[in-house]
């Protein structure tokens, strides 16, 4: 074997060995925002303590990190900056780099867009770490310069990736063999619906580019969901512990959410292997999973009309009995009205 061939083989073996030895981990958190009163997430300290205990190499925050001025007609820039300052003071306790993508609470007009870019940089963007690539995307409505519009209701569940982001993916995923793993992060679950444009325009690019997984941080009917298509994993992870009892009593979706654990995902990379571990937080500390809270959320108050109505129609025999009474009453009422009408006509003819 020639010296050149020997050196080439040695370099190839060293590269392969280096790839096999690449071990790192990262945590993905979604929906860390507090309530409209400006307070931070109820158990944020607990969440951050658990993340620090795991000591991942990287942390990713997938949007809706502050409440913001989403419901206000105009945005108070000073208040928005104060919200970010309060959150970032908490995040400073983490000893690893933190990366983030925005949710609709974070960016919803030109003011909040500019504050985001000023503090955390423009999107989309990418970086490399330990032989893997990470893609940070924006799924929120991103206002153009000069816009005076607030977040359009049509985009409350996100906006399909525009041409600039599609071109970004083409560029970043042009050499799939160059990276051992590729992970993408966004806020909204743009892939949720089976007929979503994501499956036609975005998913094929991810598949061809060797993307391992896409993470979203929004919540909907679920706080966590997972699916896999063509080997690409789609993982939703979110935290939401500020839903009010009033909201829970009136919205079936919110009642469903109240019964689910807040969660985040720990991802462990070991060479070619990737392990996804779902961790829960707040089960014991938030008071959300007690019999009293369940009764408060799911049971009617004793003296409400709704409870009386529920009792009246809650069993099949009561339903049949009351429907029979209603039908008979309607029939008799009809006869009475017809008799009265006939009597009035006879009086009129006499006159």
C-alpha atoms as a PDB file:
ATOM      1  CA  UNK A   1       0.000   0.000   0.000  1.00  0.00           C
ATOM      2  CA  UNK A   2       1.392   3.392  -0.955  1.00  0.00           C
ATOM      3  CA  UNK A   3       1.935   6.110   1.624  1.00  0.00           C
ATOM      4  CA  UNK A   4      -0.774   8.277   0.074  1.00  0.00           C
ATOM      5  CA  UNK A   5      -3.304   5.428   0.136  1.00  0.00           C
ATOM      6  CA  UNK A   6      -2.371   4.639   3.733  1.00  0.00           C
ATOM      7  CA  UNK A   7      -2.845   8.240   4.794  1.00  0.00           C
ATOM      8  CA  UNK A   8      -6.194   8.417   3.005  1.00  0.00           C
ATOM      9  CA  UNK A   9      -7.399   5.251   4.736  1.00  0.00           C
ATOM     10  CA  UNK A  10      -6.234   6.548   8.102  1.00  0.00           C
ATOM     11  CA  UNK A  11      -8.069   9.831   7.560  1.00  0.00           C
ATOM     12  CA  UNK A  12     -11.249   8.014   6.512  1.00  0.00           C
ATOM     13  CA  UNK A  13     -11.127   5.767   9.584  1.00  0.00           C
ATOM     14  CA  UNK A  14     -10.495   8.755  11.832  1.00  0.00           C
ATOM     15  CA  UNK A  15     -13.471  10.590  10.316  1.00  0.00           C
ATOM     16  CA  UNK A  16     -15.735   7.574  10.787  1.00  0.00           C
ATOM     17  CA  UNK A  17     -14.516   7.109  14.351  1.00  0.00           C
ATOM     18  CA  UNK A  18     -15.089  10.800  15.067  1.00  0.00           C
ATOM     19  CA  UNK A  19     -18.661  10.574  13.760  1.00  0.00           C
ATOM     20  CA  UNK A  20     -19.377   7.482  15.836  1.00  0.00           C
ATOM     21  CA  UNK A  21     -18.052   9.209  18.955  1.00  0.00           C
ATOM     22  CA  UNK A  22     -20.233  12.302  18.593  1.00  0.00           C
ATOM     23  CA  UNK A  23     -22.417  12.415  21.668  1.00  0.00           C
ATOM     24  CA  UNK A  24     -24.522  15.339  22.767  1.00  0.00           C
ATOM     25  CA  UNK A  25     -28.011  16.152  23.973  1.00  0.00           C
ATOM     26  CA  UNK A  26     -30.501  18.984  23.731  1.00  0.00           C
ATOM     27  CA  UNK A  27     -33.807  19.936  25.320  1.00  0.00           C
ATOM     28  CA  UNK A  28     -36.842  21.326  23.489  1.00  0.00           C
ATOM     29  CA  UNK A  29     -39.353  23.476  25.404  1.00  0.00           C
ATOM     30  CA  UNK A  30     -42.513  25.025  23.998  1.00  0.00           C
ATOM     31  CA  UNK A  31     -45.068  27.572  25.195  1.00  0.00           C
ATOM     32  CA  UNK A  32     -43.331  28.988  28.257  1.00  0.00           C
ATOM     33  CA  UNK A  33     -45.426  32.145  28.416  1.00  0.00           C
ATOM     34  CA  UNK A  34     -47.194  33.302  31.543  1.00  0.00           C
ATOM     35  CA  UNK A  35     -50.646  34.889  31.734  1.00  0.00           C
ATOM     36  CA  UNK A  36     -52.041  38.209  30.499  1.00  0.00           C
ATOM     37  CA  UNK A  37     -51.225  39.771  33.882  1.00  0.00           C
ATOM     38  CA  UNK A  38     -47.569  39.933  32.866  1.00  0.00           C
ATOM     39  CA  UNK A  39     -46.369  37.293  35.308  1.00  0.00           C
ATOM     40  CA  UNK A  40     -44.006  34.551  34.202  1.00  0.00           C
ATOM     41  CA  UNK A  41     -44.910  30.881  33.921  1.00  0.00           C
ATOM     42  CA  UNK A  42     -46.173  29.606  37.261  1.00  0.00           C
ATOM     43  CA  UNK A  43     -43.494  26.933  37.693  1.00  0.00           C
ATOM     44  CA  UNK A  44     -40.734  28.334  35.478  1.00  0.00           C
ATOM     45  CA  UNK A  45     -38.117  27.903  38.201  1.00  0.00           C
ATOM     46  CA  UNK A  46     -38.988  24.229  38.488  1.00  0.00           C
ATOM     47  CA  UNK A  47     -38.791  23.776  34.715  1.00  0.00           C
ATOM     48  CA  UNK A  48     -35.387  25.450  34.493  1.00  0.00           C
ATOM     49  CA  UNK A  49     -34.056  23.506  37.478  1.00  0.00           C
ATOM     50  CA  UNK A  50     -35.014  20.253  35.798  1.00  0.00           C
ATOM     51  CA  UNK A  51     -33.370  21.297  32.536  1.00  0.00           C
ATOM     52  CA  UNK A  52     -30.182  22.315  34.358  1.00  0.00           C
ATOM     53  CA  UNK A  53     -30.168  19.018  36.238  1.00  0.00           C
ATOM     54  CA  UNK A  54     -30.206  17.137  32.922  1.00  0.00           C
ATOM     55  CA  UNK A  55     -27.418  19.439  31.707  1.00  0.00           C
ATOM     56  CA  UNK A  56     -27.968  19.187  27.937  1.00  0.00           C
ATOM     57  CA  UNK A  57     -25.537  20.809  25.540  1.00  0.00           C
ATOM     58  CA  UNK A  58     -28.222  23.004  23.956  1.00  0.00           C
ATOM     59  CA  UNK A  59     -31.732  24.274  24.739  1.00  0.00           C
ATOM     60  CA  UNK A  60     -34.369  25.204  22.145  1.00  0.00           C
ATOM     61  CA  UNK A  61     -37.423  27.323  22.959  1.00  0.00           C
ATOM     62  CA  UNK A  62     -40.229  26.848  20.428  1.00  0.00           C
ATOM     63  CA  UNK A  63     -42.251  30.036  20.729  1.00  0.00           C
ATOM     64  CA  UNK A  64     -44.978  31.734  22.771  1.00  0.00           C
ATOM     65  CA  UNK A  65     -42.418  32.632  25.408  1.00  0.00           C
ATOM     66  CA  UNK A  66     -44.080  35.823  26.692  1.00  0.00           C
ATOM     67  CA  UNK A  67     -47.707  36.968  26.719  1.00  0.00           C
ATOM     68  CA  UNK A  68     -46.912  40.254  24.984  1.00  0.00           C
ATOM     69  CA  UNK A  69     -49.429  42.822  23.743  1.00  0.00           C
ATOM     70  CA  UNK A  70     -51.241  40.441  21.419  1.00  0.00           C
ATOM     71  CA  UNK A  71     -54.703  41.652  22.508  1.00  0.00           C
ATOM     72  CA  UNK A  72     -53.881  45.381  22.580  1.00  0.00           C
ATOM     73  CA  UNK A  73     -54.685  47.730  19.717  1.00  0.00           C
ATOM     74  CA  UNK A  74     -51.205  49.225  19.906  1.00  0.00           C
ATOM     75  CA  UNK A  75     -47.979  47.766  21.262  1.00  0.00           C
ATOM     76  CA  UNK A  76     -46.087  49.220  24.219  1.00  0.00           C
ATOM     77  CA  UNK A  77     -42.458  48.629  23.213  1.00  0.00           C
ATOM     78  CA  UNK A  78     -41.174  49.312  26.732  1.00  0.00           C
ATOM     79  CA  UNK A  79     -43.557  46.732  28.197  1.00  0.00           C
ATOM     80  CA  UNK A  80     -42.508  44.148  25.603  1.00  0.00           C
ATOM     81  CA  UNK A  81     -38.836  44.706  26.383  1.00  0.00           C
ATOM     82  CA  UNK A  82     -39.608  44.403  30.097  1.00  0.00           C
ATOM     83  CA  UNK A  83     -41.314  41.047  29.466  1.00  0.00           C
ATOM     84  CA  UNK A  84     -38.264  39.758  27.592  1.00  0.00           C
ATOM     85  CA  UNK A  85     -35.914  41.118  30.271  1.00  0.00           C
ATOM     86  CA  UNK A  86     -37.830  39.265  32.985  1.00  0.00           C
ATOM     87  CA  UNK A  87     -37.750  35.986  31.055  1.00  0.00           C
ATOM     88  CA  UNK A  88     -34.102  36.313  30.068  1.00  0.00           C
ATOM     89  CA  UNK A  89     -33.092  36.958  33.682  1.00  0.00           C
ATOM     90  CA  UNK A  90     -34.595  33.583  34.537  1.00  0.00           C
ATOM     91  CA  UNK A  91     -33.028  31.858  31.528  1.00  0.00           C
ATOM     92  CA  UNK A  92     -29.618  33.221  32.529  1.00  0.00           C
ATOM     93  CA  UNK A  93     -29.417  30.541  35.193  1.00  0.00           C
ATOM     94  CA  UNK A  94     -29.004  27.913  32.446  1.00  0.00           C
ATOM     95  CA  UNK A  95     -25.365  27.086  31.809  1.00  0.00           C
ATOM     96  CA  UNK A  96     -25.838  26.078  28.161  1.00  0.00           C
ATOM     97  CA  UNK A  97     -26.668  28.061  24.980  1.00  0.00           C
ATOM     98  CA  UNK A  98     -30.359  28.831  24.435  1.00  0.00           C
ATOM     99  CA  UNK A  99     -31.844  29.141  20.933  1.00  0.00           C
ATOM    100  CA  UNK A 100     -35.381  30.249  20.171  1.00  0.00           C
ATOM    101  CA  UNK A 101     -38.034  30.678  17.495  1.00  0.00           C
ATOM    102  CA  UNK A 102     -41.048  33.008  17.902  1.00  0.00           C
ATOM    103  CA  UNK A 103     -44.703  32.271  18.501  1.00  0.00           C
ATOM    104  CA  UNK A 104     -47.619  34.577  17.722  1.00  0.00           C
ATOM    105  CA  UNK A 105     -47.481  36.027  21.251  1.00  0.00           C
ATOM    106  CA  UNK A 106     -43.833  36.930  20.688  1.00  0.00           C
ATOM    107  CA  UNK A 107     -44.128  38.521  17.234  1.00  0.00           C
ATOM    108  CA  UNK A 108     -47.458  39.939  16.068  1.00  0.00           C
ATOM    109  CA  UNK A 109     -46.692  43.377  14.582  1.00  0.00           C
ATOM    110  CA  UNK A 110     -43.796  45.512  13.396  1.00  0.00           C
ATOM    111  CA  UNK A 111     -42.816  46.635  16.911  1.00  0.00           C
ATOM    112  CA  UNK A 112     -42.563  43.108  18.302  1.00  0.00           C
ATOM    113  CA  UNK A 113     -40.808  41.913  15.140  1.00  0.00           C
ATOM    114  CA  UNK A 114     -38.114  44.559  15.466  1.00  0.00           C
ATOM    115  CA  UNK A 115     -37.634  43.885  19.177  1.00  0.00           C
ATOM    116  CA  UNK A 116     -37.240  40.175  18.427  1.00  0.00           C
ATOM    117  CA  UNK A 117     -34.642  40.807  15.690  1.00  0.00           C
ATOM    118  CA  UNK A 118     -32.813  43.324  17.879  1.00  0.00           C
ATOM    119  CA  UNK A 119     -32.494  40.813  20.719  1.00  0.00           C
ATOM    120  CA  UNK A 120     -32.368  37.385  19.081  1.00  0.00           C
ATOM    121  CA  UNK A 121     -31.615  37.890  15.398  1.00  0.00           C
ATOM    122  CA  UNK A 122     -33.516  37.404  12.158  1.00  0.00           C
ATOM    123  CA  UNK A 123     -34.986  34.129  10.935  1.00  0.00           C
ATOM    124  CA  UNK A 124     -34.656  31.667   9.338  1.00  0.00           C
ATOM    125  CA  UNK A 125     -31.140  30.715  10.363  1.00  0.00           C
ATOM    126  CA  UNK A 126     -29.021  27.632  10.902  1.00  0.00           C
ATOM    127  CA  UNK A 127     -25.940  26.510  12.793  1.00  0.00           C
ATOM    128  CA  UNK A 128     -23.834  23.386  13.157  1.00  0.00           C
ATOM    129  CA  UNK A 129     -22.949  21.526  16.338  1.00  0.00           C
ATOM    130  CA  UNK A 130     -21.010  18.279  16.739  1.00  0.00           C
ATOM    131  CA  UNK A 131     -21.481  17.302  13.106  1.00  0.00           C
ATOM    132  CA  UNK A 132     -25.249  17.968  13.096  1.00  0.00           C
ATOM    133  CA  UNK A 133     -27.231  20.851  11.633  1.00  0.00           C
ATOM    134  CA  UNK A 134     -29.992  22.814  13.336  1.00  0.00           C
ATOM    135  CA  UNK A 135     -32.590  24.849  11.413  1.00  0.00           C
ATOM    136  CA  UNK A 136     -34.575  27.631  13.094  1.00  0.00           C
ATOM    137  CA  UNK A 137     -37.732  28.540  11.141  1.00  0.00           C
ATOM    138  CA  UNK A 138     -40.519  31.070  11.632  1.00  0.00           C
ATOM    139  CA  UNK A 139     -44.125  29.920  11.403  1.00  0.00           C
ATOM    140  CA  UNK A 140     -45.620  33.209  12.622  1.00  0.00           C
ATOM    141  CA  UNK A 141     -46.967  36.038  10.510  1.00  0.00           C
ATOM    142  CA  UNK A 142     -43.901  38.217   9.852  1.00  0.00           C
ATOM    143  CA  UNK A 143     -44.926  41.825   9.039  1.00  0.00           C
ATOM    144  CA  UNK A 144     -43.179  43.695   6.250  1.00  0.00           C
ATOM    145  CA  UNK A 145     -41.461  47.035   6.782  1.00  0.00           C
ATOM    146  CA  UNK A 146     -44.007  49.825   7.143  1.00  0.00           C
ATOM    147  CA  UNK A 147     -46.826  47.522   8.228  1.00  0.00           C
ATOM    148  CA  UNK A 148     -49.324  48.924  10.744  1.00  0.00           C
ATOM    149  CA  UNK A 149     -51.309  45.705  11.049  1.00  0.00           C
ATOM    150  CA  UNK A 150     -51.564  43.546  14.156  1.00  0.00           C
ATOM    151  CA  UNK A 151     -51.444  39.780  13.962  1.00  0.00           C
ATOM    152  CA  UNK A 152     -54.247  38.638  11.590  1.00  0.00           C
ATOM    153  CA  UNK A 153     -56.665  36.169  13.162  1.00  0.00           C
ATOM    154  CA  UNK A 154     -56.300  34.023  10.046  1.00  0.00           C
ATOM    155  CA  UNK A 155     -52.741  33.202  11.143  1.00  0.00           C
ATOM    156  CA  UNK A 156     -53.404  32.419  14.809  1.00  0.00           C
ATOM    157  CA  UNK A 157     -52.397  28.825  14.020  1.00  0.00           C
ATOM    158  CA  UNK A 158     -49.438  29.849  11.922  1.00  0.00           C
ATOM    159  CA  UNK A 159     -48.558  30.850   8.388  1.00  0.00           C
ATOM    160  CA  UNK A 160     -47.243  28.463   5.748  1.00  0.00           C
ATOM    161  CA  UNK A 161     -43.564  28.892   4.983  1.00  0.00           C
ATOM    162  CA  UNK A 162     -43.101  31.589   2.349  1.00  0.00           C
ATOM    163  CA  UNK A 163     -40.771  31.344  -0.640  1.00  0.00           C
ATOM    164  CA  UNK A 164     -37.798  32.802   1.229  1.00  0.00           C
ATOM    165  CA  UNK A 165     -37.921  30.009   3.800  1.00  0.00           C
ATOM    166  CA  UNK A 166     -38.453  27.339   1.158  1.00  0.00           C
ATOM    167  CA  UNK A 167     -35.354  28.639  -0.638  1.00  0.00           C
ATOM    168  CA  UNK A 168     -33.528  28.624   2.706  1.00  0.00           C
ATOM    169  CA  UNK A 169     -34.342  24.931   3.138  1.00  0.00           C
ATOM    170  CA  UNK A 170     -33.166  24.138  -0.399  1.00  0.00           C
ATOM    171  CA  UNK A 171     -29.843  25.820   0.355  1.00  0.00           C
ATOM    172  CA  UNK A 172     -29.303  24.375   3.828  1.00  0.00           C
ATOM    173  CA  UNK A 173     -30.280  20.821   2.856  1.00  0.00           C
ATOM    174  CA  UNK A 174     -28.364  20.699  -0.433  1.00  0.00           C
ATOM    175  CA  UNK A 175     -25.666  18.364   0.993  1.00  0.00           C
ATOM    176  CA  UNK A 176     -27.442  15.784   3.162  1.00  0.00           C
ATOM    177  CA  UNK A 177     -24.371  13.553   3.444  1.00  0.00           C
ATOM    178  CA  UNK A 178     -22.400  16.354   5.066  1.00  0.00           C
ATOM    179  CA  UNK A 179     -24.248  16.121   8.399  1.00  0.00           C
ATOM    180  CA  UNK A 180     -24.893  13.124  10.581  1.00  0.00           C
ATOM    181  CA  UNK A 181     -28.220  14.535  11.789  1.00  0.00           C
ATOM    182  CA  UNK A 182     -30.479  17.478  10.969  1.00  0.00           C
ATOM    183  CA  UNK A 183     -33.147  18.912  13.285  1.00  0.00           C
ATOM    184  CA  UNK A 184     -35.662  21.709  12.582  1.00  0.00           C
ATOM    185  CA  UNK A 185     -37.574  23.932  15.008  1.00  0.00           C
ATOM    186  CA  UNK A 186     -40.681  26.077  14.643  1.00  0.00           C
ATOM    187  CA  UNK A 187     -43.645  27.159  16.749  1.00  0.00           C
ATOM    188  CA  UNK A 188     -46.855  26.242  14.950  1.00  0.00           C
ATOM    189  CA  UNK A 189     -47.794  22.727  13.935  1.00  0.00           C
ATOM    190  CA  UNK A 190     -48.044  23.500  10.231  1.00  0.00           C
ATOM    191  CA  UNK A 191     -48.200  19.763   9.519  1.00  0.00           C
ATOM    192  CA  UNK A 192     -51.213  19.054  11.774  1.00  0.00           C
ATOM    193  CA  UNK A 193     -53.876  18.714   9.066  1.00  0.00           C
ATOM    194  CA  UNK A 194     -53.621  15.872   6.600  1.00  0.00           C
ATOM    195  CA  UNK A 195     -54.225  18.239   3.681  1.00  0.00           C
ATOM    196  CA  UNK A 196     -51.798  20.899   4.956  1.00  0.00           C
ATOM    197  CA  UNK A 197     -49.565  22.536   2.379  1.00  0.00           C
ATOM    198  CA  UNK A 198     -46.594  21.422   4.491  1.00  0.00           C
ATOM    199  CA  UNK A 199     -46.845  17.877   3.144  1.00  0.00           C
ATOM    200  CA  UNK A 200     -46.541  19.032  -0.465  1.00  0.00           C
ATOM    201  CA  UNK A 201     -44.050  21.884  -0.198  1.00  0.00           C
ATOM    202  CA  UNK A 202     -41.935  21.314   2.907  1.00  0.00           C
ATOM    203  CA  UNK A 203     -41.902  17.639   3.838  1.00  0.00           C
ATOM    204  CA  UNK A 204     -40.328  16.478   0.519  1.00  0.00           C
ATOM    205  CA  UNK A 205     -37.438  18.915   1.087  1.00  0.00           C
ATOM    206  CA  UNK A 206     -36.917  17.627   4.627  1.00  0.00           C
ATOM    207  CA  UNK A 207     -36.996  14.039   3.442  1.00  0.00           C
ATOM    208  CA  UNK A 208     -34.487  14.643   0.661  1.00  0.00           C
ATOM    209  CA  UNK A 209     -32.276  16.649   3.025  1.00  0.00           C
ATOM    210  CA  UNK A 210     -32.034  13.916   5.642  1.00  0.00           C
ATOM    211  CA  UNK A 211     -33.912  15.726   8.407  1.00  0.00           C
ATOM    212  CA  UNK A 212     -34.356  13.538  11.485  1.00  0.00           C
ATOM    213  CA  UNK A 213     -37.063  15.476  13.317  1.00  0.00           C
ATOM    214  CA  UNK A 214     -39.108  18.681  13.357  1.00  0.00           C
ATOM    215  CA  UNK A 215     -40.183  20.213  16.680  1.00  0.00           C
ATOM    216  CA  UNK A 216     -43.166  22.512  17.301  1.00  0.00           C
ATOM    217  CA  UNK A 217     -44.041  24.331  20.514  1.00  0.00           C
ATOM    218  CA  UNK A 218     -47.676  25.377  20.086  1.00  0.00           C
ATOM    219  CA  UNK A 219     -50.596  23.671  21.787  1.00  0.00           C
ATOM    220  CA  UNK A 220     -54.022  22.801  20.409  1.00  0.00           C
ATOM    221  CA  UNK A 221     -56.166  19.856  21.414  1.00  0.00           C
ATOM    222  CA  UNK A 222     -52.963  18.279  22.771  1.00  0.00           C
ATOM    223  CA  UNK A 223     -49.877  19.453  24.640  1.00  0.00           C
ATOM    224  CA  UNK A 224     -47.818  16.651  23.137  1.00  0.00           C
ATOM    225  CA  UNK A 225     -48.119  14.795  19.867  1.00  0.00           C
ATOM    226  CA  UNK A 226     -45.826  12.670  17.746  1.00  0.00           C
ATOM    227  CA  UNK A 227     -46.003  11.257  14.274  1.00  0.00           C
ATOM    228  CA  UNK A 228     -43.550   9.915  11.740  1.00  0.00           C
ATOM    229  CA  UNK A 229     -43.729  10.055   7.960  1.00  0.00           C
ATOM    230  CA  UNK A 230     -41.090   8.623   5.627  1.00  0.00           C
ATOM    231  CA  UNK A 231     -38.687   8.431   8.557  1.00  0.00           C
ATOM    232  CA  UNK A 232     -39.073  12.120   9.518  1.00  0.00           C
ATOM    233  CA  UNK A 233     -40.396  12.599  13.051  1.00  0.00           C
ATOM    234  CA  UNK A 234     -42.761  15.444  13.988  1.00  0.00           C
ATOM    235  CA  UNK A 235     -42.865  16.208  17.701  1.00  0.00           C
ATOM    236  CA  UNK A 236     -45.024  18.740  19.538  1.00  0.00           C
ATOM    237  CA  UNK A 237     -44.082  19.715  23.086  1.00  0.00           C
ATOM    238  CA  UNK A 238     -45.724  22.465  25.140  1.00  0.00           C
ATOM    239  CA  UNK A 239     -46.483  23.830  28.587  1.00  0.00           C
ATOM    240  CA  UNK A 240     -49.697  25.653  29.531  1.00  0.00           C
ATOM    241  CA  UNK A 241     -50.621  26.051  33.175  1.00  0.00           C
ATOM    242  CA  UNK A 242     -52.516  29.347  33.194  1.00  0.00           C
ATOM    243  CA  UNK A 243     -55.916  28.276  31.824  1.00  0.00           C
ATOM    244  CA  UNK A 244     -58.646  29.790  34.004  1.00  0.00           C
ATOM    245  CA  UNK A 245     -61.532  27.795  35.449  1.00  0.00           C
ATOM    246  CA  UNK A 246     -63.980  30.043  33.624  1.00  0.00           C
ATOM    247  CA  UNK A 247     -62.362  29.103  30.335  1.00  0.00           C
ATOM    248  CA  UNK A 248     -62.252  25.452  31.308  1.00  0.00           C
ATOM    249  CA  UNK A 249     -65.970  25.323  32.052  1.00  0.00           C
ATOM    250  CA  UNK A 250     -66.959  26.821  28.738  1.00  0.00           C
ATOM    251  CA  UNK A 251     -64.546  25.219  26.282  1.00  0.00           C
ATOM    252  CA  UNK A 252     -64.295  21.502  25.732  1.00  0.00           C
ATOM    253  CA  UNK A 253     -60.818  21.926  24.270  1.00  0.00           C
ATOM    254  CA  UNK A 254     -59.547  23.632  27.409  1.00  0.00           C
ATOM    255  CA  UNK A 255     -61.045  20.942  29.633  1.00  0.00           C
ATOM    256  CA  UNK A 256     -59.159  18.383  27.570  1.00  0.00           C
ATOM    257  CA  UNK A 257     -55.919  20.344  27.904  1.00  0.00           C
ATOM    258  CA  UNK A 258     -56.341  20.638  31.675  1.00  0.00           C
ATOM    259  CA  UNK A 259     -56.048  16.857  32.010  1.00  0.00           C
ATOM    260  CA  UNK A 260     -52.666  16.660  30.243  1.00  0.00           C
ATOM    261  CA  UNK A 261     -49.194  16.958  31.694  1.00  0.00           C
ATOM    262  CA  UNK A 262     -46.908  19.856  30.792  1.00  0.00           C
ATOM    263  CA  UNK A 263     -43.897  18.412  29.045  1.00  0.00           C
ATOM    264  CA  UNK A 264     -40.594  18.918  27.283  1.00  0.00           C
ATOM    265  CA  UNK A 265     -38.407  16.659  25.158  1.00  0.00           C
ATOM    266  CA  UNK A 266     -34.861  15.529  25.874  1.00  0.00           C
ATOM    267  CA  UNK A 267     -33.003  14.409  22.743  1.00  0.00           C
ATOM    268  CA  UNK A 268     -29.834  12.329  23.143  1.00  0.00           C
ATOM    269  CA  UNK A 269     -27.560  11.817  20.140  1.00  0.00           C
ATOM    270  CA  UNK A 270     -24.983   9.037  20.244  1.00  0.00           C
ATOM    271  CA  UNK A 271     -23.327   8.647  16.871  1.00  0.00           C
ATOM    272  CA  UNK A 272     -25.987   7.482  14.453  1.00  0.00           C
ATOM    273  CA  UNK A 273     -28.482   6.814  17.261  1.00  0.00           C
ATOM    274  CA  UNK A 274     -31.030   9.426  18.373  1.00  0.00           C
ATOM    275  CA  UNK A 275     -33.197   8.903  21.459  1.00  0.00           C
ATOM    276  CA  UNK A 276     -36.270  11.047  22.183  1.00  0.00           C
ATOM    277  CA  UNK A 277     -37.358  11.141  25.830  1.00  0.00           C
ATOM    278  CA  UNK A 278     -40.546  12.971  26.874  1.00  0.00           C
ATOM    279  CA  UNK A 279     -40.297  14.507  30.355  1.00  0.00           C
ATOM    280  CA  UNK A 280     -43.201  15.897  32.381  1.00  0.00           C
ATOM    281  CA  UNK A 281     -43.101  18.848  34.783  1.00  0.00           C
ATOM    282  CA  UNK A 282     -45.480  20.365  37.314  1.00  0.00           C
ATOM    283  CA  UNK A 283     -47.438  17.199  38.067  1.00  0.00           C
ATOM    284  CA  UNK A 284     -46.936  17.591  41.821  1.00  0.00           C
ATOM    285  CA  UNK A 285     -46.175  21.290  42.167  1.00  0.00           C
ATOM    286  CA  UNK A 286     -48.905  23.129  40.230  1.00  0.00           C
ATOM    287  CA  UNK A 287     -51.982  21.701  41.987  1.00  0.00           C
ATOM    288  CA  UNK A 288     -53.588  20.947  38.618  1.00  0.00           C
ATOM    289  CA  UNK A 289     -54.076  17.237  39.189  1.00  0.00           C
ATOM    290  CA  UNK A 290     -56.175  17.070  42.344  1.00  0.00           C
ATOM    291  CA  UNK A 291     -59.729  15.754  42.861  1.00  0.00           C
ATOM    292  CA  UNK A 292     -60.867  19.256  43.830  1.00  0.00           C
ATOM    293  CA  UNK A 293     -59.603  20.773  40.595  1.00  0.00           C
ATOM    294  CA  UNK A 294     -61.141  17.982  38.554  1.00  0.00           C
ATOM    295  CA  UNK A 295     -64.511  18.618  40.196  1.00  0.00           C
ATOM    296  CA  UNK A 296     -64.169  22.378  39.719  1.00  0.00           C
ATOM    297  CA  UNK A 297     -63.438  21.931  36.028  1.00  0.00           C
ATOM    298  CA  UNK A 298     -65.785  19.120  35.097  1.00  0.00           C
ATOM    299  CA  UNK A 299     -68.819  19.327  37.400  1.00  0.00           C
ATOM    300  CA  UNK A 300     -71.705  21.820  37.228  1.00  0.00           C
ATOM    301  CA  UNK A 301     -72.489  23.992  40.238  1.00  0.00           C
ATOM    302  CA  UNK A 302     -75.449  22.571  42.179  1.00  0.00           C
ATOM    303  CA  UNK A 303     -77.768  25.524  41.721  1.00  0.00           C
ATOM    304  CA  UNK A 304     -77.142  26.259  38.069  1.00  0.00           C
ATOM    305  CA  UNK A 305     -79.794  25.840  35.398  1.00  0.00           C
ATOM    306  CA  UNK A 306     -77.288  23.786  33.397  1.00  0.00           C
ATOM    307  CA  UNK A 307     -77.050  21.182  36.162  1.00  0.00           C
ATOM    308  CA  UNK A 308     -80.840  20.940  36.454  1.00  0.00           C
ATOM    309  CA  UNK A 309     -81.133  20.551  32.710  1.00  0.00           C
ATOM    310  CA  UNK A 310     -78.378  17.935  32.730  1.00  0.00           C
ATOM    311  CA  UNK A 311     -80.181  15.940  35.425  1.00  0.00           C
ATOM    312  CA  UNK A 312     -83.459  16.101  33.530  1.00  0.00           C
ATOM    313  CA  UNK A 313     -81.976  14.564  30.400  1.00  0.00           C
ATOM    314  CA  UNK A 314     -79.017  12.601  31.812  1.00  0.00           C
ATOM    315  CA  UNK A 315     -80.481   9.074  31.538  1.00  0.00           C
ATOM    316  CA  UNK A 316     -82.365   7.321  28.685  1.00  0.00           C
ATOM    317  CA  UNK A 317     -85.587   6.824  30.690  1.00  0.00           C
ATOM    318  CA  UNK A 318     -85.657  10.480  31.718  1.00  0.00           C
ATOM    319  CA  UNK A 319     -84.939  11.517  28.161  1.00  0.00           C
ATOM    320  CA  UNK A 320     -87.816   9.415  26.765  1.00  0.00           C
ATOM    321  CA  UNK A 321     -90.214  10.549  29.489  1.00  0.00           C
ATOM    322  CA  UNK A 322     -89.446  14.237  29.057  1.00  0.00           C
ATOM    323  CA  UNK A 323     -89.526  14.075  25.287  1.00  0.00           C
ATOM    324  CA  UNK A 324     -92.930  12.348  25.503  1.00  0.00           C
ATOM    325  CA  UNK A 325     -94.198  15.085  27.785  1.00  0.00           C
ATOM    326  CA  UNK A 326     -92.851  17.721  25.408  1.00  0.00           C
ATOM    327  CA  UNK A 327     -94.527  16.082  22.367  1.00  0.00           C
ATOM    328  CA  UNK A 328     -97.879  15.682  24.146  1.00  0.00           C
ATOM    329  CA  UNK A 329     -97.727  19.256  25.425  1.00  0.00           C
ATOM    330  CA  UNK A 330     -96.980  20.523  21.929  1.00  0.00           C
ATOM    331  CA  UNK A 331     -99.880  18.501  20.483  1.00  0.00           C
ATOM    332  CA  UNK A 332    -102.347  19.748  23.082  1.00  0.00           C
ATOM    333  CA  UNK A 333    -101.068  23.277  22.654  1.00  0.00           C
ATOM    334  CA  UNK A 334    -101.653  22.986  18.910  1.00  0.00           C
ATOM    335  CA  UNK A 335    -105.226  21.812  19.454  1.00  0.00           C
ATOM    336  CA  UNK A 336    -105.861  24.724  21.811  1.00  0.00           C
ATOM    337  CA  UNK A 337    -104.489  27.240  19.310  1.00  0.00           C
ATOM    338  CA  UNK A 338    -106.591  25.737  16.498  1.00  0.00           C
ATOM    339  CA  UNK A 339    -109.740  25.871  18.633  1.00  0.00           C
ATOM    340  CA  UNK A 340    -109.081  29.483  19.557  1.00  0.00           C
ATOM    341  CA  UNK A 341    -108.462  30.397  15.930  1.00  0.00           C
ATOM    342  CA  UNK A 342    -111.712  28.714  14.848  1.00  0.00           C
ATOM    343  CA  UNK A 343    -113.680  30.519  17.530  1.00  0.00           C
ATOM    344  CA  UNK A 344    -112.290  33.889  16.528  1.00  0.00           C
ATOM    345  CA  UNK A 345    -113.188  33.247  12.889  1.00  0.00           C
ATOM    346  CA  UNK A 346    -116.809  32.434  13.789  1.00  0.00           C
ATOM    347  CA  UNK A 347    -117.046  35.655  15.756  1.00  0.00           C
ATOM    348  CA  UNK A 348    -115.673  37.567  12.852  1.00  0.00           C
ATOM    349  CA  UNK A 349    -118.177  36.083  10.401  1.00  0.00           C
ATOM    350  CA  UNK A 350    -121.073  37.023  12.680  1.00  0.00           C
ATOM    351  CA  UNK A 351    -119.889  40.573  12.837  1.00  0.00           C
END
